[in-house]
Amino acid sequence: MELHFDRHNGEIDRLIDELMARVGVYHPEMIRQMILGALKSGQENDYLADQKLMRTTMKEMRFTNKVFAPYRNRRKVSIFGSARISPEDPLYRKCVEFSRLLVKRGYMVITGGGPGIMQAGNEGAGAENSFAINIELPFEQHTNPVMDGSDKAINYKYFFNRKVAFLKEADAVVLFPGGFGTLDEGMEIMTLIQTGKNPPIPLVMIDDDNGGYWDKFLDFIRDPLFKRGLISAEDFSLFTITRDPLEAVNLIDDFYRNYHSTRFVKGKLVIRLNRALDSEHLKVLRDEFSEIITPGGHLQLTSALPEEADQPDLSQLPRLTMEFNRRSYGLLQAFIRRINSFE
């Protein structure tokens, strides 16, 4: 029989409802559609490898959500960098220091769970304040001794599930020098923020004391990319380069000084704040950032919108809403920093 995601499946809908009632689930409509998706896939595709991919993806993401759920109310920072950096390397010690500072400010740390910079991040934060989201590889990537056996360590078969976990749970991303994997993660998060597919978050690149890595990356961004018009000037607001672990922690902390989070509601950007702005602040923002608002759009101070009722834990936060042009995400990062500058 042909199955539909709306309720036109007769006896099948009744059986799915009965199954969910007997098991007990949250958000039954979402679960109903996932069950129907699995059944439809079983009808439509007889290629076993495709079904294995879908099965493993769901199992990995389910377990990811289970591991992170108890810590949903703590901010987290994902740390990337080379697996080949030894504990004797100054960069290793710099990462340990950075992670310790993060924990003192109340953050948790997410790493890839392997050696090198990943181990340094877990070492500085301690296993109790760390997550390790590892990938199954035939070389290099074994869970480091800090996180080995931890209930906050996850092993992934697929890179794309691991990538989702790194960014889905991160309130900031920090890049130490690394190889292809580090550059891949850095370019991906920059692209996702630039295109609005990831909420605005700090992206901080921590270099060695001589500026021998990310400073050269900046040269590449500025010359072959910017001078050819392949990126715009506002894209330089998407990331920050520093050599100082304390400055990196302060950059992250400052980003959340007043800014809390964002959400789109019916085409309107809702910016949640830790404390309300006043009319003078609003005037400054309108004057300095008018280009990010669509023509005829408004910038307003509001409380929670009715559509945000599905996030009751955030209902008390004051809001700033606007018709954002959905293009100037680099300027949106600057807009958030301006919000945080108001005393």
Protein backbone atom coordinates (compact mmCIF):
# COMPACT_ATOMS: atom_id res chain seq x y z
CA MET A 1 0.00 0.00 0.00
CA GLU A 2 1.06 3.59 -0.56
CA LEU A 3 1.89 5.46 2.63
CA HIS A 4 1.43 9.19 3.28
CA PHE A 5 2.88 11.50 5.91
CA ASP A 6 -0.53 13.03 6.50
CA ARG A 7 -3.24 10.93 8.15
CA HIS A 8 -4.57 9.03 5.15
CA ASN A 9 -3.17 5.61 5.97
CA GLY A 10 -6.22 4.07 7.63
CA GLU A 11 -5.37 1.06 9.79
CA ILE A 12 -1.63 1.82 9.61
CA ASP A 13 -2.15 5.18 11.33
CA ARG A 14 -4.12 3.47 14.08
CA LEU A 15 -1.42 0.83 14.58
CA ILE A 16 1.35 3.44 14.74
CA ASP A 17 -0.66 5.47 17.28
CA GLU A 18 -1.24 2.35 19.36
CA LEU A 19 2.45 1.43 19.25
CA MET A 20 3.51 4.90 20.39
CA ALA A 21 0.92 4.89 23.19
CA ARG A 22 2.12 1.52 24.46
CA VAL A 23 5.80 2.51 24.37
CA GLY A 24 5.31 6.11 25.54
CA VAL A 25 7.04 8.81 23.48
CA TYR A 26 7.58 12.55 23.53
CA HIS A 27 6.35 14.58 20.55
CA PRO A 28 4.31 11.73 19.00
CA GLU A 29 3.69 13.53 15.71
CA MET A 30 7.43 13.76 15.07
CA ILE A 31 7.91 10.10 16.00
CA ARG A 32 4.98 9.11 13.78
CA GLN A 33 6.60 10.76 10.78
CA MET A 34 9.95 9.06 11.50
CA ILE A 35 8.21 5.67 11.63
CA LEU A 36 6.43 6.41 8.36
CA GLY A 37 9.72 7.54 6.81
CA ALA A 38 11.33 4.21 7.74
CA LEU A 39 8.37 2.26 6.36
CA LYS A 40 8.34 4.25 3.12
CA SER A 41 12.07 3.72 2.71
CA GLY A 42 11.55 0.00 3.16
CA GLN A 43 8.93 0.06 0.41
CA GLU A 44 10.85 2.20 -2.05
CA ASN A 45 14.46 1.03 -1.83
CA ASP A 46 15.72 -2.56 -2.02
CA TYR A 47 19.41 -1.55 -1.91
CA LEU A 48 20.70 -2.82 1.44
CA ALA A 49 23.63 -0.37 1.72
CA ASP A 50 21.21 2.59 1.60
CA GLN A 51 19.12 1.10 4.40
CA LYS A 52 22.23 0.44 6.50
CA LEU A 53 23.29 4.07 6.12
CA MET A 54 19.88 5.34 7.24
CA ARG A 55 19.73 2.90 10.15
CA THR A 56 23.22 3.73 11.45
CA THR A 57 22.66 7.47 11.01
CA MET A 58 19.54 7.39 13.16
CA LYS A 59 21.15 5.17 15.79
CA GLU A 60 24.19 7.47 16.04
CA MET A 61 22.12 10.65 16.26
CA ARG A 62 19.77 9.13 18.83
CA PHE A 63 22.71 8.22 21.05
CA THR A 64 24.27 11.66 20.51
CA ASN A 65 21.12 13.35 21.78
CA LYS A 66 20.98 11.00 24.77
CA VAL A 67 24.58 11.79 25.80
CA PHE A 68 24.26 15.57 25.46
CA ALA A 69 20.72 15.96 26.85
CA PRO A 70 21.65 16.21 30.57
CA TYR A 71 23.99 19.11 29.78
CA ARG A 72 21.66 21.12 27.55
CA ASN A 73 21.77 24.15 29.83
CA ARG A 74 25.58 24.48 29.84
CA ARG A 75 27.37 26.28 27.03
CA LYS A 76 29.94 24.24 25.12
CA VAL A 77 32.95 24.96 22.94
CA SER A 78 34.11 22.63 20.16
CA ILE A 79 37.90 22.49 19.79
CA PHE A 80 39.68 21.34 16.62
CA GLY A 81 43.37 20.87 15.90
CA SER A 82 45.99 18.36 14.83
CA ALA A 83 46.06 14.83 16.23
CA ARG A 84 49.83 14.84 15.58
CA ILE A 85 50.82 17.54 18.07
CA SER A 86 52.75 15.98 20.96
CA PRO A 87 52.31 16.86 24.66
CA GLU A 88 55.74 18.52 24.53
CA ASP A 89 54.61 20.99 21.86
CA PRO A 90 53.88 24.55 23.13
CA LEU A 91 50.57 24.42 21.22
CA TYR A 92 49.51 21.41 23.30
CA ARG A 93 50.17 23.32 26.52
CA LYS A 94 48.39 26.36 25.12
CA CYS A 95 45.29 24.26 24.43
CA VAL A 96 45.40 22.79 27.95
CA GLU A 97 45.53 26.30 29.38
CA PHE A 98 42.69 27.48 27.12
CA SER A 99 40.42 24.60 28.16
CA ARG A 100 41.11 25.17 31.85
CA LEU A 101 40.14 28.81 31.45
CA LEU A 102 36.93 27.80 29.67
CA VAL A 103 35.88 25.52 32.51
CA LYS A 104 36.54 28.29 35.05
CA ARG A 105 34.04 30.41 33.09
CA GLY A 106 31.45 27.62 33.20
CA TYR A 107 31.88 26.11 29.73
CA MET A 108 32.20 22.49 28.69
CA VAL A 109 34.55 21.27 25.96
CA ILE A 110 33.86 19.08 22.92
CA THR A 111 36.75 17.46 21.08
CA GLY A 112 37.19 14.69 18.56
CA GLY A 113 38.36 12.45 21.37
CA GLY A 114 41.70 11.53 19.79
CA PRO A 115 45.32 12.46 20.58
CA GLY A 116 47.12 15.77 20.05
CA ILE A 117 45.08 18.95 20.40
CA MET A 118 41.99 16.85 21.10
CA GLN A 119 43.61 15.24 24.12
CA ALA A 120 44.92 18.63 25.27
CA GLY A 121 41.38 20.03 25.19
CA ASN A 122 40.03 17.15 27.26
CA GLU A 123 43.00 17.28 29.63
CA GLY A 124 42.54 20.96 30.38
CA ALA A 125 38.79 20.67 30.88
CA GLY A 126 38.89 17.33 32.71
CA ALA A 127 36.72 14.37 31.82
CA GLU A 128 33.83 15.69 33.93
CA ASN A 129 33.60 18.80 31.74
CA SER A 130 34.42 17.15 28.40
CA PHE A 131 32.84 15.29 25.52
CA ALA A 132 34.77 13.11 23.09
CA ILE A 133 33.09 12.49 19.74
CA ASN A 134 35.42 10.09 18.03
CA ILE A 135 35.48 8.65 14.52
CA GLU A 136 36.32 5.05 13.67
CA LEU A 137 39.60 5.12 11.71
CA PRO A 138 42.18 2.39 11.13
CA PHE A 139 44.96 4.73 12.32
CA GLU A 140 45.56 7.78 14.52
CA GLN A 141 42.11 8.05 16.01
CA HIS A 142 41.73 6.09 19.25
CA THR A 143 39.98 7.59 22.25
CA ASN A 144 42.56 9.46 24.31
CA PRO A 145 43.31 8.31 27.88
CA VAL A 146 41.47 11.27 29.40
CA MET A 147 38.16 10.20 27.86
CA ASP A 148 38.64 6.45 27.48
CA GLY A 149 35.70 4.79 29.23
CA SER A 150 33.84 8.07 29.81
CA ASP A 151 30.04 8.10 29.55
CA LYS A 152 30.47 11.30 27.49
CA ALA A 153 32.50 9.58 24.74
CA ILE A 154 30.81 8.64 21.45
CA ASN A 155 32.26 6.66 18.53
CA TYR A 156 30.91 7.43 15.07
CA LYS A 157 31.02 5.42 11.88
CA TYR A 158 30.07 8.35 9.65
CA PHE A 159 31.89 11.66 9.51
CA PHE A 160 28.72 13.58 8.70
CA ASN A 161 27.00 12.50 11.93
CA ARG A 162 30.07 13.52 13.89
CA LYS A 163 30.11 16.91 12.14
CA VAL A 164 26.48 17.49 13.11
CA ALA A 165 27.27 16.74 16.75
CA PHE A 166 30.26 19.12 16.79
CA LEU A 167 28.16 22.05 15.57
CA LYS A 168 24.68 21.22 16.89
CA GLU A 169 25.95 21.37 20.45
CA ALA A 170 28.54 24.15 20.12
CA ASP A 171 28.15 27.72 21.35
CA ALA A 172 31.60 28.52 19.94
CA VAL A 173 34.21 26.84 17.76
CA VAL A 174 37.95 27.16 18.33
CA LEU A 175 40.59 26.08 15.81
CA PHE A 176 44.19 25.34 16.70
CA PRO A 177 46.67 24.59 13.90
CA GLY A 178 45.94 21.29 12.21
CA GLY A 179 45.83 19.34 8.99
CA PHE A 180 43.14 18.66 6.41
CA GLY A 181 40.55 17.73 9.05
CA THR A 182 40.98 20.97 10.97
CA LEU A 183 40.79 23.05 7.79
CA ASP A 184 37.74 21.09 6.68
CA GLU A 185 35.91 21.77 9.94
CA GLY A 186 36.96 25.43 9.91
CA MET A 187 35.80 26.05 6.36
CA GLU A 188 32.56 24.22 6.99
CA ILE A 189 31.56 26.22 10.07
CA MET A 190 32.57 29.47 8.34
CA THR A 191 30.38 28.55 5.36
CA LEU A 192 27.46 27.55 7.57
CA ILE A 193 27.58 30.83 9.51
CA GLN A 194 28.10 32.87 6.32
CA THR A 195 25.00 31.30 4.72
CA GLY A 196 22.84 31.34 7.85
CA LYS A 197 22.67 27.55 8.10
CA ASN A 198 24.25 27.72 11.55
CA PRO A 199 23.24 30.29 14.17
CA PRO A 200 25.78 33.05 14.84
CA ILE A 201 28.55 31.79 17.12
CA PRO A 202 32.16 32.85 17.78
CA LEU A 203 34.76 31.22 15.54
CA VAL A 204 38.21 31.75 17.07
CA MET A 205 41.54 30.65 15.59
CA ILE A 206 44.36 30.30 18.13
CA ASP A 207 47.82 30.49 16.58
CA ASP A 208 51.28 29.68 17.88
CA ASP A 209 53.30 32.50 19.42
CA ASN A 210 54.95 33.32 16.08
CA GLY A 211 51.72 33.56 14.09
CA GLY A 212 53.05 30.84 11.83
CA TYR A 213 49.74 29.22 10.89
CA TRP A 214 46.53 31.27 11.02
CA ASP A 215 48.29 34.48 10.03
CA LYS A 216 49.22 32.74 6.78
CA PHE A 217 45.63 31.59 6.43
CA LEU A 218 44.56 35.23 6.75
CA ASP A 219 46.95 36.13 3.94
CA PHE A 220 45.23 33.55 1.74
CA ILE A 221 41.76 34.82 2.67
CA ARG A 222 42.76 38.41 1.97
CA ASP A 223 44.66 37.97 -1.30
CA PRO A 224 43.34 35.17 -3.55
CA LEU A 225 39.81 35.37 -2.12
CA PHE A 226 38.94 38.93 -1.10
CA LYS A 227 40.96 40.76 -3.74
CA ARG A 228 39.33 38.66 -6.45
CA GLY A 229 35.89 39.43 -5.09
CA LEU A 230 35.23 35.82 -4.10
CA ILE A 231 34.27 36.90 -0.58
CA SER A 232 33.13 40.25 0.79
CA ALA A 233 34.62 42.55 3.43
CA GLU A 234 31.96 41.61 5.96
CA ASP A 235 33.09 37.98 5.84
CA PHE A 236 36.14 38.96 7.90
CA SER A 237 33.69 39.39 10.80
CA LEU A 238 33.01 35.66 10.77
CA PHE A 239 36.24 34.75 12.57
CA THR A 240 38.92 36.12 14.90
CA ILE A 241 42.61 35.20 15.09
CA THR A 242 44.56 35.40 18.35
CA ARG A 243 47.69 33.92 19.93
CA ASP A 244 46.47 34.37 23.50
CA PRO A 245 44.26 31.71 25.21
CA LEU A 246 42.85 34.27 27.65
CA GLU A 247 41.88 36.60 24.83
CA ALA A 248 40.17 33.67 23.09
CA VAL A 249 38.09 32.90 26.20
CA ASN A 250 37.21 36.58 26.60
CA LEU A 251 36.09 36.75 22.95
CA ILE A 252 33.68 33.88 23.55
CA ASP A 253 32.45 35.30 26.87
CA ASP A 254 31.92 38.74 25.35
CA PHE A 255 29.82 37.28 22.54
CA TYR A 256 27.30 36.13 25.14
CA ARG A 257 27.55 39.21 27.35
CA ASN A 258 23.99 40.17 26.38
CA TYR A 259 23.25 38.13 23.26
CA HIS A 260 21.66 34.77 24.04
CA SER A 261 20.43 33.09 20.83
CA THR A 262 18.48 33.58 17.60
CA ARG A 263 15.50 32.06 15.86
CA PHE A 264 13.46 32.82 12.75
CA VAL A 265 9.70 33.13 13.19
CA LYS A 266 7.63 33.59 10.02
CA GLY A 267 10.53 35.26 8.23
CA LYS A 268 11.37 37.52 11.15
CA LEU A 269 14.69 37.21 12.99
CA VAL A 270 14.23 36.99 16.75
CA ILE A 271 17.32 37.83 18.81
CA ARG A 272 17.01 36.76 22.43
CA LEU A 273 18.85 38.85 24.99
CA ASN A 274 19.99 38.34 28.56
CA ARG A 275 18.81 41.84 29.45
CA ALA A 276 16.57 44.34 27.69
CA LEU A 277 17.81 47.20 25.53
CA ASP A 278 16.28 50.66 25.64
CA SER A 279 15.07 53.03 22.95
CA GLU A 280 18.43 54.80 22.71
CA HIS A 281 20.20 51.51 22.03
CA LEU A 282 17.61 50.74 19.39
CA LYS A 283 18.26 54.06 17.65
CA VAL A 284 22.02 53.38 17.55
CA LEU A 285 21.45 49.95 16.02
CA ARG A 286 19.06 51.35 13.39
CA ASP A 287 21.52 54.08 12.43
CA GLU A 288 24.60 51.83 12.26
CA PHE A 289 23.09 48.67 10.74
CA SER A 290 20.21 49.82 8.55
CA GLU A 291 21.57 47.81 5.59
CA ILE A 292 20.85 44.46 7.23
CA ILE A 293 17.14 45.23 7.54
CA THR A 294 14.96 44.59 4.50
CA PRO A 295 13.47 47.75 2.90
CA GLY A 296 10.39 48.74 4.85
CA GLY A 297 11.33 46.39 7.69
CA HIS A 298 11.40 47.21 11.38
CA LEU A 299 13.71 46.76 14.33
CA GLN A 300 11.66 46.33 17.50
CA LEU A 301 11.94 45.45 21.18
CA THR A 302 9.51 42.65 22.08
CA SER A 303 8.81 39.84 24.50
CA ALA A 304 8.55 36.18 23.45
CA LEU A 305 6.41 35.61 20.37
CA PRO A 306 3.50 33.12 20.53
CA GLU A 307 5.32 30.86 18.05
CA GLU A 308 8.15 30.43 20.58
CA ALA A 309 5.94 28.58 23.05
CA ASP A 310 7.79 25.37 22.19
CA GLN A 311 10.82 26.75 24.07
CA PRO A 312 9.29 27.69 27.44
CA ASP A 313 12.68 27.80 29.15
CA LEU A 314 13.52 30.91 27.08
CA SER A 315 10.16 32.66 27.41
CA GLN A 316 11.33 35.17 30.02
CA LEU A 317 14.15 36.59 27.89
CA PRO A 318 13.64 40.01 26.24
CA ARG A 319 13.75 40.07 22.43
CA LEU A 320 14.90 42.19 19.53
CA THR A 321 13.10 41.40 16.26
CA MET A 322 13.71 42.52 12.70
CA GLU A 323 13.13 41.67 9.06
CA PHE A 324 16.70 40.56 8.40
CA ASN A 325 17.85 40.49 4.77
CA ARG A 326 19.16 36.90 5.21
CA ARG A 327 22.27 37.80 3.31
CA SER A 328 24.55 39.89 5.54
CA TYR A 329 25.54 37.28 8.12
CA GLY A 330 28.98 38.78 8.58
CA LEU A 331 27.34 42.09 9.50
CA LEU A 332 24.96 40.20 11.77
CA GLN A 333 28.00 39.04 13.77
CA ALA A 334 29.07 42.69 14.04
CA PHE A 335 25.49 43.64 14.98
CA ILE A 336 25.60 41.14 17.87
CA ARG A 337 28.93 42.51 19.07
CA ARG A 338 27.42 46.01 19.03
CA ILE A 339 24.51 44.78 21.17
CA ASN A 340 27.02 43.40 23.65
CA SER A 341 28.86 46.71 23.83
CA PHE A 342 25.92 48.51 25.48
CA GLU A 343 26.27 48.90 29.24
